[in-house]
Amino acid sequence: MEVDQIKRCQPEPSGSGSVGQPFCRPDAGFVVGLLLVAMILALVGCGASAARAGHSAPASICTRRARSTVARFLDVSASRVSVLTTTANSGYPECDFTARNGRDQTVKLSVEVSTAPQAYALLERAAEEAAQIFGPVRLSPAPQDITGLGIDAQWFPEEQHLMTTDGIRLITATVIWPAPQSRRRALAQAAARPYLGLLDFAAAKPIGP
């Protein structure tokens, strides 16, 4: 046994009062090292779990491009569009836009970006459920198909939001604005487009049973 280790070892008293086997007190630096290693492993594990949960998304969801797109649509300067990074009820990131247009109307828009598995299937299921009629007459307007946006895109008049996907991300743009529905729908389309990536048709799988 080395000298410095001998200094840290002391005889352990036995129950009978005689000296028992020596025991060693762990070095303080050694203990600190073990704690640091444990903390690093715990952080790595948490990061991996979050990635597997699909809740990891770009920290800058309120991008300059998205803000400029909203400002250009409303015909105002980007400085008149305020943005706020938040979290949607689903747990995925959301960007909230607020602006006042030339008619002094308040325009509120939120864009949620979900990376949950089977984004295309989730969109198709939402559209099918909204299109169903429970009774002899339709009580709420059916979703409207939007062409030229993502793999698929639907406008839901009842909720005043648009959903679209590139196969990986499911993007939901919700508009609150005292304007004709056609303008609200167009704003949602424009706001959702910057969040679409390359279209991954292989990831667009049909809805299972």
N, C-alpha and C. Protein backbone atom coordinates (compact mmCIF):
# COMPACT_ATOMS: atom_id res chain seq x y z
N MET A 1 0.86 -1.20 0.00
CA MET A 1 0.00 0.00 0.00
C MET A 1 0.89 1.24 0.00
N GLU A 2 0.54 2.26 -0.84
CA GLU A 2 1.37 3.44 -0.94
C GLU A 2 1.28 4.27 0.33
N VAL A 3 2.27 5.15 0.50
CA VAL A 3 2.36 5.92 1.73
C VAL A 3 1.16 6.83 1.93
N ASP A 4 0.75 7.58 0.81
CA ASP A 4 -0.37 8.51 0.99
C ASP A 4 -1.66 7.77 1.29
N GLN A 5 -1.79 6.53 0.78
CA GLN A 5 -2.99 5.76 1.08
C GLN A 5 -2.96 5.26 2.51
N ILE A 6 -1.75 4.92 3.02
CA ILE A 6 -1.63 4.47 4.41
C ILE A 6 -2.07 5.57 5.36
N LYS A 7 -1.75 6.82 4.99
CA LYS A 7 -2.11 7.93 5.86
C LYS A 7 -3.62 8.10 5.96
N ARG A 8 -4.35 7.68 4.92
CA ARG A 8 -5.79 7.83 4.94
C ARG A 8 -6.49 6.64 5.57
N CYS A 9 -5.74 5.58 5.94
CA CYS A 9 -6.32 4.39 6.52
C CYS A 9 -6.14 4.41 8.03
N GLN A 10 -7.16 4.08 8.77
CA GLN A 10 -7.13 4.06 10.21
C GLN A 10 -7.69 2.74 10.69
N PRO A 11 -7.22 2.24 11.82
CA PRO A 11 -7.78 0.99 12.34
C PRO A 11 -9.22 1.19 12.80
N GLU A 12 -10.06 0.24 12.51
CA GLU A 12 -11.48 0.32 12.87
C GLU A 12 -11.71 -0.40 14.19
N PRO A 13 -12.22 0.29 15.20
CA PRO A 13 -12.47 -0.37 16.49
C PRO A 13 -13.49 -1.48 16.34
N SER A 14 -13.21 -2.60 17.04
CA SER A 14 -14.18 -3.70 17.02
C SER A 14 -15.10 -3.57 18.21
N GLY A 15 -16.15 -4.39 18.26
CA GLY A 15 -17.11 -4.32 19.36
C GLY A 15 -16.50 -4.66 20.69
N SER A 16 -15.43 -5.51 20.71
CA SER A 16 -14.82 -5.95 21.97
C SER A 16 -13.78 -4.99 22.49
N GLY A 17 -13.58 -3.89 21.74
CA GLY A 17 -12.58 -2.93 22.18
C GLY A 17 -11.23 -3.15 21.55
N SER A 18 -11.04 -4.31 20.88
CA SER A 18 -9.77 -4.57 20.22
C SER A 18 -9.74 -3.89 18.87
N VAL A 19 -8.59 -3.75 18.32
CA VAL A 19 -8.43 -3.10 17.03
C VAL A 19 -8.77 -4.08 15.93
N GLY A 20 -9.71 -3.69 15.04
CA GLY A 20 -10.12 -4.57 13.95
C GLY A 20 -9.31 -4.29 12.69
N GLN A 21 -9.88 -4.66 11.55
CA GLN A 21 -9.20 -4.46 10.28
C GLN A 21 -9.16 -2.97 9.94
N PRO A 22 -8.10 -2.52 9.33
CA PRO A 22 -8.01 -1.10 8.96
C PRO A 22 -9.01 -0.77 7.85
N PHE A 23 -9.53 0.44 7.88
CA PHE A 23 -10.41 0.89 6.80
C PHE A 23 -9.86 2.21 6.28
N CYS A 24 -10.17 2.49 5.00
CA CYS A 24 -9.62 3.66 4.34
C CYS A 24 -10.71 4.68 4.06
N ARG A 25 -10.40 5.93 4.38
CA ARG A 25 -11.32 7.01 4.05
C ARG A 25 -11.07 7.45 2.60
N PRO A 26 -12.11 7.55 1.77
CA PRO A 26 -11.91 7.92 0.37
C PRO A 26 -11.38 9.34 0.26
N ASP A 27 -10.48 9.52 -0.70
CA ASP A 27 -9.90 10.84 -0.96
C ASP A 27 -10.99 11.80 -1.45
N ALA A 28 -10.97 13.06 -0.99
CA ALA A 28 -12.01 14.04 -1.35
C ALA A 28 -12.03 14.29 -2.85
N GLY A 29 -10.85 14.38 -3.46
CA GLY A 29 -10.80 14.60 -4.90
C GLY A 29 -11.40 13.45 -5.68
N PHE A 30 -11.18 12.24 -5.18
CA PHE A 30 -11.73 11.06 -5.83
C PHE A 30 -13.26 11.08 -5.79
N VAL A 31 -13.81 11.48 -4.62
CA VAL A 31 -15.26 11.55 -4.47
C VAL A 31 -15.85 12.61 -5.39
N VAL A 32 -15.22 13.77 -5.47
CA VAL A 32 -15.70 14.84 -6.35
C VAL A 32 -15.70 14.39 -7.80
N GLY A 33 -14.64 13.66 -8.17
CA GLY A 33 -14.57 13.15 -9.54
C GLY A 33 -15.71 12.22 -9.86
N LEU A 34 -16.03 11.33 -8.91
CA LEU A 34 -17.14 10.41 -9.13
C LEU A 34 -18.46 11.16 -9.29
N LEU A 35 -18.67 12.18 -8.46
CA LEU A 35 -19.90 12.97 -8.56
C LEU A 35 -20.02 13.67 -9.90
N LEU A 36 -18.91 14.21 -10.41
CA LEU A 36 -18.94 14.89 -11.70
C LEU A 36 -19.29 13.92 -12.82
N VAL A 37 -18.70 12.74 -12.78
CA VAL A 37 -18.99 11.73 -13.80
C VAL A 37 -20.47 11.35 -13.76
N ALA A 38 -21.03 11.18 -12.55
CA ALA A 38 -22.44 10.83 -12.42
C ALA A 38 -23.34 11.92 -12.97
N MET A 39 -22.98 13.20 -12.72
CA MET A 39 -23.79 14.30 -13.22
C MET A 39 -23.76 14.37 -14.74
N ILE A 40 -22.58 14.14 -15.33
CA ILE A 40 -22.47 14.18 -16.80
C ILE A 40 -23.31 13.08 -17.43
N LEU A 41 -23.23 11.87 -16.85
CA LEU A 41 -24.02 10.75 -17.38
C LEU A 41 -25.51 11.03 -17.27
N ALA A 42 -25.94 11.66 -16.17
CA ALA A 42 -27.36 11.97 -15.99
C ALA A 42 -27.83 12.98 -17.03
N LEU A 43 -26.99 14.00 -17.31
CA LEU A 43 -27.36 15.01 -18.30
C LEU A 43 -27.44 14.42 -19.69
N VAL A 44 -26.50 13.55 -20.02
CA VAL A 44 -26.53 12.90 -21.33
C VAL A 44 -27.78 12.06 -21.47
N GLY A 45 -28.14 11.34 -20.41
CA GLY A 45 -29.34 10.51 -20.45
C GLY A 45 -30.60 11.34 -20.64
N CYS A 46 -30.68 12.49 -19.96
CA CYS A 46 -31.86 13.35 -20.10
C CYS A 46 -31.97 13.90 -21.51
N GLY A 47 -30.82 14.28 -22.10
CA GLY A 47 -30.85 14.79 -23.47
C GLY A 47 -31.32 13.75 -24.45
N ALA A 48 -30.86 12.53 -24.26
CA ALA A 48 -31.28 11.46 -25.17
C ALA A 48 -32.76 11.17 -25.03
N SER A 49 -33.26 11.22 -23.79
CA SER A 49 -34.69 10.95 -23.57
C SER A 49 -35.54 12.02 -24.24
N ALA A 50 -35.12 13.27 -24.13
CA ALA A 50 -35.89 14.35 -24.75
C ALA A 50 -35.92 14.20 -26.26
N ALA A 51 -34.76 13.80 -26.84
CA ALA A 51 -34.72 13.63 -28.29
C ALA A 51 -35.63 12.50 -28.72
N ARG A 52 -35.66 11.39 -27.92
CA ARG A 52 -36.53 10.28 -28.27
C ARG A 52 -37.98 10.66 -28.15
N ALA A 53 -38.29 11.56 -27.23
CA ALA A 53 -39.68 11.98 -27.05
C ALA A 53 -40.16 12.85 -28.20
N GLY A 54 -39.22 13.33 -29.01
CA GLY A 54 -39.62 14.11 -30.18
C GLY A 54 -39.92 15.56 -29.87
N HIS A 55 -39.60 16.04 -28.68
CA HIS A 55 -39.91 17.40 -28.31
C HIS A 55 -38.75 18.35 -28.58
N SER A 56 -37.65 17.83 -29.09
CA SER A 56 -36.54 18.70 -29.41
C SER A 56 -36.85 19.41 -30.72
N ALA A 57 -36.68 20.72 -30.76
CA ALA A 57 -36.96 21.51 -31.94
C ALA A 57 -36.03 22.70 -31.92
N PRO A 58 -35.88 23.40 -33.05
CA PRO A 58 -34.99 24.55 -33.07
C PRO A 58 -35.34 25.55 -31.98
N ALA A 59 -34.31 26.01 -31.25
CA ALA A 59 -34.55 26.98 -30.18
C ALA A 59 -35.07 28.29 -30.75
N SER A 60 -34.67 28.61 -32.01
CA SER A 60 -35.09 29.86 -32.63
C SER A 60 -36.30 29.62 -33.52
N ILE A 61 -37.39 29.17 -32.92
CA ILE A 61 -38.60 28.93 -33.72
C ILE A 61 -39.16 30.23 -34.26
N CYS A 62 -38.97 31.32 -33.54
CA CYS A 62 -39.38 32.63 -34.03
C CYS A 62 -38.26 33.19 -34.91
N THR A 63 -38.18 32.67 -36.12
CA THR A 63 -37.08 33.03 -37.01
C THR A 63 -37.29 34.40 -37.65
N ARG A 64 -36.19 34.97 -38.10
CA ARG A 64 -36.27 36.26 -38.79
C ARG A 64 -37.05 36.12 -40.09
N ARG A 65 -36.88 34.98 -40.76
CA ARG A 65 -37.60 34.76 -42.02
C ARG A 65 -39.11 34.72 -41.79
N ALA A 66 -39.52 34.02 -40.72
CA ALA A 66 -40.96 33.93 -40.43
C ALA A 66 -41.53 35.30 -40.08
N ARG A 67 -40.78 36.07 -39.30
CA ARG A 67 -41.25 37.40 -38.92
C ARG A 67 -41.37 38.30 -40.13
N SER A 68 -40.38 38.23 -41.03
CA SER A 68 -40.41 39.04 -42.24
C SER A 68 -41.57 38.63 -43.14
N THR A 69 -41.86 37.33 -43.19
CA THR A 69 -42.97 36.84 -44.01
C THR A 69 -44.29 37.39 -43.52
N VAL A 70 -44.50 37.38 -42.21
CA VAL A 70 -45.74 37.92 -41.64
C VAL A 70 -45.84 39.42 -41.90
N ALA A 71 -44.73 40.13 -41.71
CA ALA A 71 -44.73 41.58 -41.93
C ALA A 71 -45.03 41.91 -43.39
N ARG A 72 -44.43 41.15 -44.29
CA ARG A 72 -44.65 41.41 -45.72
C ARG A 72 -46.11 41.15 -46.10
N PHE A 73 -46.70 40.11 -45.55
CA PHE A 73 -48.10 39.81 -45.85
C PHE A 73 -49.01 40.93 -45.36
N LEU A 74 -48.73 41.44 -44.18
CA LEU A 74 -49.57 42.50 -43.59
C LEU A 74 -49.20 43.89 -44.10
N ASP A 75 -48.13 43.96 -44.90
CA ASP A 75 -47.67 45.23 -45.46
C ASP A 75 -47.28 46.21 -44.36
N VAL A 76 -46.51 45.71 -43.39
CA VAL A 76 -45.98 46.54 -42.33
C VAL A 76 -44.50 46.23 -42.19
N SER A 77 -43.78 47.06 -41.46
CA SER A 77 -42.37 46.79 -41.24
C SER A 77 -42.21 45.66 -40.21
N ALA A 78 -41.11 44.95 -40.30
CA ALA A 78 -40.87 43.83 -39.38
C ALA A 78 -40.83 44.30 -37.94
N SER A 79 -40.42 45.54 -37.71
CA SER A 79 -40.35 46.06 -36.34
C SER A 79 -41.74 46.17 -35.70
N ARG A 80 -42.79 46.17 -36.51
CA ARG A 80 -44.15 46.28 -35.97
C ARG A 80 -44.76 44.91 -35.69
N VAL A 81 -43.99 43.87 -35.90
CA VAL A 81 -44.43 42.50 -35.61
C VAL A 81 -43.64 42.00 -34.40
N SER A 82 -44.32 41.82 -33.29
CA SER A 82 -43.66 41.29 -32.10
C SER A 82 -43.78 39.77 -32.09
N VAL A 83 -42.75 39.12 -31.55
CA VAL A 83 -42.74 37.65 -31.52
C VAL A 83 -42.45 37.19 -30.09
N LEU A 84 -42.96 36.02 -29.77
CA LEU A 84 -42.76 35.43 -28.45
C LEU A 84 -42.63 33.93 -28.60
N THR A 85 -41.51 33.39 -28.14
CA THR A 85 -41.31 31.95 -28.15
C THR A 85 -41.98 31.33 -26.94
N THR A 86 -42.84 30.37 -27.16
CA THR A 86 -43.56 29.74 -26.06
C THR A 86 -43.72 28.26 -26.34
N THR A 87 -44.52 27.58 -25.52
CA THR A 87 -44.76 26.15 -25.68
C THR A 87 -46.25 25.91 -25.82
N ALA A 88 -46.63 25.16 -26.84
CA ALA A 88 -48.04 24.86 -27.07
C ALA A 88 -48.53 23.84 -26.04
N ASN A 89 -49.84 23.65 -26.00
CA ASN A 89 -50.41 22.67 -25.07
C ASN A 89 -49.90 21.26 -25.33
N SER A 90 -49.49 21.01 -26.56
CA SER A 90 -48.97 19.69 -26.92
C SER A 90 -47.58 19.45 -26.36
N GLY A 91 -46.92 20.51 -25.89
CA GLY A 91 -45.56 20.37 -25.39
C GLY A 91 -44.51 20.74 -26.42
N TYR A 92 -44.93 21.03 -27.64
CA TYR A 92 -43.99 21.39 -28.70
C TYR A 92 -43.85 22.91 -28.79
N PRO A 93 -42.76 23.39 -29.39
CA PRO A 93 -42.51 24.84 -29.43
C PRO A 93 -43.51 25.58 -30.31
N GLU A 94 -43.73 26.82 -29.96
CA GLU A 94 -44.69 27.66 -30.67
C GLU A 94 -44.17 29.09 -30.71
N CYS A 95 -44.42 29.75 -31.83
CA CYS A 95 -44.08 31.17 -31.95
C CYS A 95 -45.35 31.97 -32.07
N ASP A 96 -45.52 32.97 -31.22
CA ASP A 96 -46.70 33.83 -31.25
C ASP A 96 -46.31 35.18 -31.88
N PHE A 97 -47.05 35.56 -32.91
CA PHE A 97 -46.83 36.83 -33.60
C PHE A 97 -47.99 37.76 -33.27
N THR A 98 -47.68 39.03 -33.04
CA THR A 98 -48.71 40.05 -32.81
C THR A 98 -48.33 41.30 -33.59
N ALA A 99 -49.30 41.84 -34.31
CA ALA A 99 -49.02 43.04 -35.11
C ALA A 99 -50.30 43.84 -35.27
N ARG A 100 -50.12 45.07 -35.73
CA ARG A 100 -51.25 45.92 -36.10
C ARG A 100 -51.05 46.32 -37.55
N ASN A 101 -52.07 46.09 -38.36
CA ASN A 101 -51.94 46.40 -39.78
C ASN A 101 -52.29 47.84 -40.06
N GLY A 102 -52.34 48.19 -41.35
CA GLY A 102 -52.61 49.57 -41.74
C GLY A 102 -53.99 50.04 -41.36
N ARG A 103 -54.92 49.11 -41.12
CA ARG A 103 -56.27 49.49 -40.71
C ARG A 103 -56.41 49.54 -39.19
N ASP A 104 -55.28 49.51 -38.51
CA ASP A 104 -55.24 49.54 -37.05
C ASP A 104 -55.97 48.34 -36.44
N GLN A 105 -55.90 47.21 -37.13
CA GLN A 105 -56.47 45.97 -36.61
C GLN A 105 -55.37 45.15 -35.95
N THR A 106 -55.70 44.53 -34.82
CA THR A 106 -54.75 43.65 -34.15
C THR A 106 -54.79 42.28 -34.81
N VAL A 107 -53.63 41.81 -35.20
CA VAL A 107 -53.50 40.50 -35.83
C VAL A 107 -52.69 39.60 -34.91
N LYS A 108 -53.26 38.48 -34.53
CA LYS A 108 -52.56 37.52 -33.70
C LYS A 108 -52.43 36.20 -34.45
N LEU A 109 -51.25 35.66 -34.42
CA LEU A 109 -50.95 34.44 -35.16
C LEU A 109 -50.02 33.57 -34.33
N SER A 110 -50.30 32.29 -34.26
CA SER A 110 -49.40 31.36 -33.58
C SER A 110 -49.05 30.23 -34.53
N VAL A 111 -47.79 29.83 -34.51
CA VAL A 111 -47.31 28.73 -35.34
C VAL A 111 -46.64 27.70 -34.44
N GLU A 112 -47.22 26.51 -34.43
CA GLU A 112 -46.68 25.40 -33.63
C GLU A 112 -45.99 24.42 -34.57
N VAL A 113 -44.82 23.94 -34.15
CA VAL A 113 -44.06 22.98 -34.95
C VAL A 113 -43.90 21.70 -34.14
N SER A 114 -44.60 20.66 -34.55
CA SER A 114 -44.55 19.37 -33.87
C SER A 114 -43.67 18.41 -34.65
N THR A 115 -42.86 17.66 -33.94
CA THR A 115 -42.03 16.62 -34.56
C THR A 115 -42.46 15.24 -34.07
N ALA A 116 -43.72 15.11 -33.71
CA ALA A 116 -44.25 13.81 -33.29
C ALA A 116 -44.19 12.84 -34.46
N PRO A 117 -44.03 11.54 -34.18
CA PRO A 117 -43.97 10.56 -35.27
C PRO A 117 -45.25 10.57 -36.11
N GLN A 118 -45.11 10.19 -37.38
CA GLN A 118 -46.23 10.06 -38.32
C GLN A 118 -47.02 11.35 -38.46
N ALA A 119 -46.30 12.41 -38.80
CA ALA A 119 -46.94 13.72 -38.94
C ALA A 119 -48.03 13.70 -40.00
N TYR A 120 -47.77 13.04 -41.12
CA TYR A 120 -48.76 12.99 -42.20
C TYR A 120 -50.03 12.27 -41.73
N ALA A 121 -49.86 11.16 -41.04
CA ALA A 121 -51.01 10.39 -40.55
C ALA A 121 -51.83 11.22 -39.56
N LEU A 122 -51.16 11.99 -38.72
CA LEU A 122 -51.87 12.83 -37.76
C LEU A 122 -52.71 13.90 -38.47
N LEU A 123 -52.15 14.48 -39.53
CA LEU A 123 -52.88 15.48 -40.29
C LEU A 123 -54.09 14.86 -40.98
N GLU A 124 -53.89 13.71 -41.61
CA GLU A 124 -54.99 13.05 -42.31
C GLU A 124 -56.11 12.65 -41.35
N ARG A 125 -55.72 12.19 -40.18
CA ARG A 125 -56.72 11.78 -39.19
C ARG A 125 -57.53 12.99 -38.71
N ALA A 126 -56.84 14.11 -38.48
CA ALA A 126 -57.53 15.32 -38.04
C ALA A 126 -58.52 15.80 -39.11
N ALA A 127 -58.13 15.71 -40.38
CA ALA A 127 -59.01 16.14 -41.46
C ALA A 127 -60.22 15.21 -41.58
N GLU A 128 -59.98 13.92 -41.45
CA GLU A 128 -61.09 12.96 -41.55
C GLU A 128 -62.10 13.15 -40.42
N GLU A 129 -61.60 13.37 -39.22
CA GLU A 129 -62.50 13.55 -38.08
C GLU A 129 -63.31 14.84 -38.22
N ALA A 130 -62.66 15.90 -38.72
CA ALA A 130 -63.37 17.17 -38.87
C ALA A 130 -64.39 17.11 -40.01
N ALA A 131 -64.19 16.21 -40.96
CA ALA A 131 -65.10 16.10 -42.10
C ALA A 131 -66.33 15.25 -41.80
N GLN A 132 -66.31 14.54 -40.69
CA GLN A 132 -67.44 13.66 -40.36
C GLN A 132 -68.69 14.48 -40.01
N ILE A 133 -69.85 13.89 -40.30
CA ILE A 133 -71.13 14.52 -39.98
C ILE A 133 -71.85 13.66 -38.95
N PHE A 134 -72.14 14.24 -37.81
CA PHE A 134 -72.83 13.52 -36.75
C PHE A 134 -74.28 14.02 -36.68
N GLY A 135 -75.10 13.49 -37.57
CA GLY A 135 -76.49 13.94 -37.63
C GLY A 135 -76.92 14.18 -39.06
N PRO A 136 -78.16 14.60 -39.26
CA PRO A 136 -78.67 14.80 -40.62
C PRO A 136 -78.05 15.99 -41.35
N VAL A 137 -77.56 16.98 -40.60
CA VAL A 137 -76.96 18.16 -41.23
C VAL A 137 -75.62 18.46 -40.59
N ARG A 138 -74.77 19.13 -41.35
CA ARG A 138 -73.45 19.52 -40.82
C ARG A 138 -73.60 20.77 -39.96
N LEU A 139 -73.06 20.70 -38.76
CA LEU A 139 -73.15 21.83 -37.84
C LEU A 139 -71.93 22.73 -37.90
N SER A 140 -70.83 22.24 -38.45
CA SER A 140 -69.62 23.05 -38.58
C SER A 140 -69.05 22.84 -39.97
N PRO A 141 -68.38 23.85 -40.52
CA PRO A 141 -67.85 23.73 -41.89
C PRO A 141 -66.76 22.66 -41.98
N ALA A 142 -66.71 21.99 -43.11
CA ALA A 142 -65.72 20.94 -43.34
C ALA A 142 -64.35 21.56 -43.61
N PRO A 143 -63.29 20.82 -43.34
CA PRO A 143 -61.95 21.34 -43.65
C PRO A 143 -61.78 21.56 -45.16
N GLN A 144 -60.94 22.51 -45.51
CA GLN A 144 -60.71 22.86 -46.90
C GLN A 144 -59.31 22.45 -47.32
N ASP A 145 -59.21 21.76 -48.45
CA ASP A 145 -57.90 21.31 -48.95
C ASP A 145 -57.13 22.49 -49.52
N ILE A 146 -55.85 22.59 -49.14
CA ILE A 146 -54.97 23.65 -49.63
C ILE A 146 -53.92 23.01 -50.52
N THR A 147 -53.83 23.44 -51.75
CA THR A 147 -52.86 22.87 -52.68
C THR A 147 -51.59 23.72 -52.71
N GLY A 148 -50.50 23.07 -53.07
CA GLY A 148 -49.23 23.77 -53.22
C GLY A 148 -48.52 24.10 -51.93
N LEU A 149 -48.90 23.44 -50.85
CA LEU A 149 -48.26 23.70 -49.55
C LEU A 149 -47.95 22.37 -48.88
N GLY A 150 -46.66 22.04 -48.75
CA GLY A 150 -46.26 20.79 -48.11
C GLY A 150 -46.74 19.57 -48.87
N ILE A 151 -46.67 18.41 -48.22
CA ILE A 151 -47.21 17.18 -48.79
C ILE A 151 -48.73 17.24 -48.80
N ASP A 152 -49.26 17.84 -47.78
CA ASP A 152 -50.71 18.03 -47.68
C ASP A 152 -50.93 19.23 -46.76
N ALA A 153 -52.06 19.89 -46.95
CA ALA A 153 -52.40 21.03 -46.10
C ALA A 153 -53.91 21.16 -46.05
N GLN A 154 -54.42 21.48 -44.87
CA GLN A 154 -55.86 21.62 -44.65
C GLN A 154 -56.13 22.87 -43.82
N TRP A 155 -57.19 23.59 -44.23
CA TRP A 155 -57.66 24.73 -43.44
C TRP A 155 -58.91 24.30 -42.71
N PHE A 156 -58.92 24.52 -41.39
CA PHE A 156 -60.04 24.14 -40.56
C PHE A 156 -60.81 25.40 -40.16
N PRO A 157 -61.91 25.71 -40.85
CA PRO A 157 -62.64 26.96 -40.57
C PRO A 157 -63.14 27.09 -39.15
N GLU A 158 -63.57 25.97 -38.56
CA GLU A 158 -64.11 26.02 -37.20
C GLU A 158 -63.06 26.49 -36.20
N GLU A 159 -61.84 25.97 -36.34
CA GLU A 159 -60.76 26.31 -35.41
C GLU A 159 -59.95 27.51 -35.88
N GLN A 160 -60.19 27.94 -37.13
CA GLN A 160 -59.42 29.04 -37.70
C GLN A 160 -57.93 28.75 -37.69
N HIS A 161 -57.58 27.51 -38.06
CA HIS A 161 -56.17 27.19 -38.17
C HIS A 161 -55.91 26.31 -39.38
N LEU A 162 -54.67 26.33 -39.80
CA LEU A 162 -54.20 25.54 -40.93
C LEU A 162 -53.19 24.52 -40.43
N MET A 163 -53.25 23.32 -41.00
CA MET A 163 -52.28 22.29 -40.66
C MET A 163 -51.63 21.81 -41.96
N THR A 164 -50.31 21.66 -41.92
CA THR A 164 -49.57 21.17 -43.07
C THR A 164 -48.36 20.38 -42.58
N THR A 165 -47.77 19.60 -43.47
CA THR A 165 -46.62 18.78 -43.08
C THR A 165 -45.68 18.57 -44.25
N ASP A 166 -44.41 18.41 -43.90
CA ASP A 166 -43.41 18.02 -44.90
C ASP A 166 -43.06 16.54 -44.78
N GLY A 167 -43.82 15.82 -43.94
CA GLY A 167 -43.57 14.42 -43.69
C GLY A 167 -42.90 14.18 -42.36
N ILE A 168 -42.18 15.18 -41.87
CA ILE A 168 -41.46 15.08 -40.58
C ILE A 168 -42.08 16.01 -39.56
N ARG A 169 -42.32 17.23 -39.95
CA ARG A 169 -42.91 18.23 -39.05
C ARG A 169 -44.40 18.39 -39.34
N LEU A 170 -45.16 18.59 -38.29
CA LEU A 170 -46.57 18.93 -38.42
C LEU A 170 -46.72 20.37 -37.94
N ILE A 171 -47.09 21.24 -38.84
CA ILE A 171 -47.14 22.67 -38.55
C ILE A 171 -48.59 23.12 -38.46
N THR A 172 -48.90 23.82 -37.39
CA THR A 172 -50.26 24.33 -37.17
C THR A 172 -50.18 25.84 -37.01
N ALA A 173 -50.84 26.56 -37.90
CA ALA A 173 -50.87 28.03 -37.86
C ALA A 173 -52.29 28.49 -37.55
N THR A 174 -52.45 29.17 -36.43
CA THR A 174 -53.76 29.64 -35.97
C THR A 174 -53.82 31.16 -36.07
N VAL A 175 -54.90 31.68 -36.62
CA VAL A 175 -55.03 33.11 -36.87
C VAL A 175 -56.23 33.68 -36.12
N ILE A 176 -56.00 34.79 -35.42
CA ILE A 176 -57.08 35.58 -34.81
C ILE A 176 -56.98 36.98 -35.40
N TRP A 177 -57.96 37.31 -36.26
CA TRP A 177 -57.86 38.56 -37.01
C TRP A 177 -59.25 38.91 -37.55
N PRO A 178 -59.77 40.11 -37.29
CA PRO A 178 -61.09 40.48 -37.80
C PRO A 178 -61.04 40.82 -39.28
N ALA A 179 -60.75 39.80 -40.09
CA ALA A 179 -60.66 39.96 -41.54
C ALA A 179 -61.44 38.84 -42.19
N PRO A 180 -61.74 38.95 -43.48
CA PRO A 180 -62.43 37.84 -44.16
C PRO A 180 -61.66 36.54 -44.02
N GLN A 181 -62.39 35.44 -44.02
CA GLN A 181 -61.75 34.14 -43.82
C GLN A 181 -60.69 33.86 -44.87
N SER A 182 -60.91 34.32 -46.10
CA SER A 182 -59.93 34.08 -47.15
C SER A 182 -58.58 34.73 -46.81
N ARG A 183 -58.62 35.88 -46.15
CA ARG A 183 -57.38 36.56 -45.76
C ARG A 183 -56.73 35.84 -44.58
N ARG A 184 -57.53 35.37 -43.65
CA ARG A 184 -56.97 34.62 -42.52
C ARG A 184 -56.31 33.34 -43.01
N ARG A 185 -56.97 32.67 -43.94
CA ARG A 185 -56.41 31.43 -44.49
C ARG A 185 -55.10 31.72 -45.24
N ALA A 186 -55.09 32.79 -46.01
CA ALA A 186 -53.88 33.14 -46.76
C ALA A 186 -52.73 33.49 -45.84
N LEU A 187 -53.02 34.19 -44.74
CA LEU A 187 -51.97 34.51 -43.76
C LEU A 187 -51.41 33.25 -43.13
N ALA A 188 -52.28 32.32 -42.79
CA ALA A 188 -51.82 31.06 -42.21
C ALA A 188 -50.93 30.30 -43.18
N GLN A 189 -51.29 30.30 -44.45
CA GLN A 189 -50.47 29.64 -45.46
C GLN A 189 -49.08 30.28 -45.53
N ALA A 190 -49.06 31.61 -45.60
CA ALA A 190 -47.79 32.31 -45.70
C ALA A 190 -46.92 32.07 -44.48
N ALA A 191 -47.53 32.07 -43.29
CA ALA A 191 -46.77 31.91 -42.05
C ALA A 191 -46.24 30.49 -41.88
N ALA A 192 -46.97 29.50 -42.37
CA ALA A 192 -46.55 28.11 -42.20
C ALA A 192 -45.42 27.74 -43.15
N ARG A 193 -45.36 28.35 -44.32
CA ARG A 193 -44.40 27.95 -45.34
C ARG A 193 -42.94 27.99 -44.89
N PRO A 194 -42.48 29.03 -44.16
CA PRO A 194 -41.07 29.06 -43.77
C PRO A 194 -40.64 27.90 -42.85
N TYR A 195 -41.61 27.24 -42.24
CA TYR A 195 -41.28 26.16 -41.30
C TYR A 195 -41.23 24.79 -41.97
N LEU A 196 -41.58 24.72 -43.24
CA LEU A 196 -41.53 23.45 -43.96
C LEU A 196 -40.11 23.17 -44.43
N GLY A 197 -39.69 21.91 -44.28
CA GLY A 197 -38.40 21.50 -44.80
C GLY A 197 -38.59 20.79 -46.14
N LEU A 198 -37.57 20.04 -46.54
CA LEU A 198 -37.69 19.25 -47.76
C LEU A 198 -38.80 18.23 -47.58
N LEU A 199 -39.60 18.05 -48.62
CA LEU A 199 -40.72 17.12 -48.53
C LEU A 199 -40.22 15.68 -48.51
N ASP A 200 -40.58 14.96 -47.46
CA ASP A 200 -40.18 13.56 -47.28
C ASP A 200 -41.40 12.68 -47.52
N PHE A 201 -41.59 12.30 -48.78
CA PHE A 201 -42.78 11.51 -49.12
C PHE A 201 -42.68 10.09 -48.54
N ALA A 202 -41.45 9.63 -48.31
CA ALA A 202 -41.29 8.29 -47.73
C ALA A 202 -41.82 8.24 -46.32
N ALA A 203 -41.79 9.38 -45.61
CA ALA A 203 -42.28 9.41 -44.24
C ALA A 203 -43.80 9.57 -44.18
N ALA A 204 -44.42 9.86 -45.31
CA ALA A 204 -45.87 10.05 -45.34
C ALA A 204 -46.54 8.69 -45.48
N LYS A 205 -46.83 8.10 -44.37
CA LYS A 205 -47.43 6.76 -44.38
C LYS A 205 -48.94 6.86 -44.19
N PRO A 206 -49.69 5.94 -44.76
CA PRO A 206 -51.15 5.98 -44.59
C PRO A 206 -51.55 5.71 -43.15
N ILE A 207 -52.73 6.15 -42.80
CA ILE A 207 -53.25 5.94 -41.45
C ILE A 207 -53.53 4.46 -41.25
N GLY A 208 -53.07 3.94 -40.14
CA GLY A 208 -53.31 2.53 -39.84
C GLY A 208 -54.72 2.28 -39.38
N PRO A 209 -55.08 0.99 -39.19
CA PRO A 209 -56.44 0.67 -38.76
C PRO A 209 -56.73 1.19 -37.36
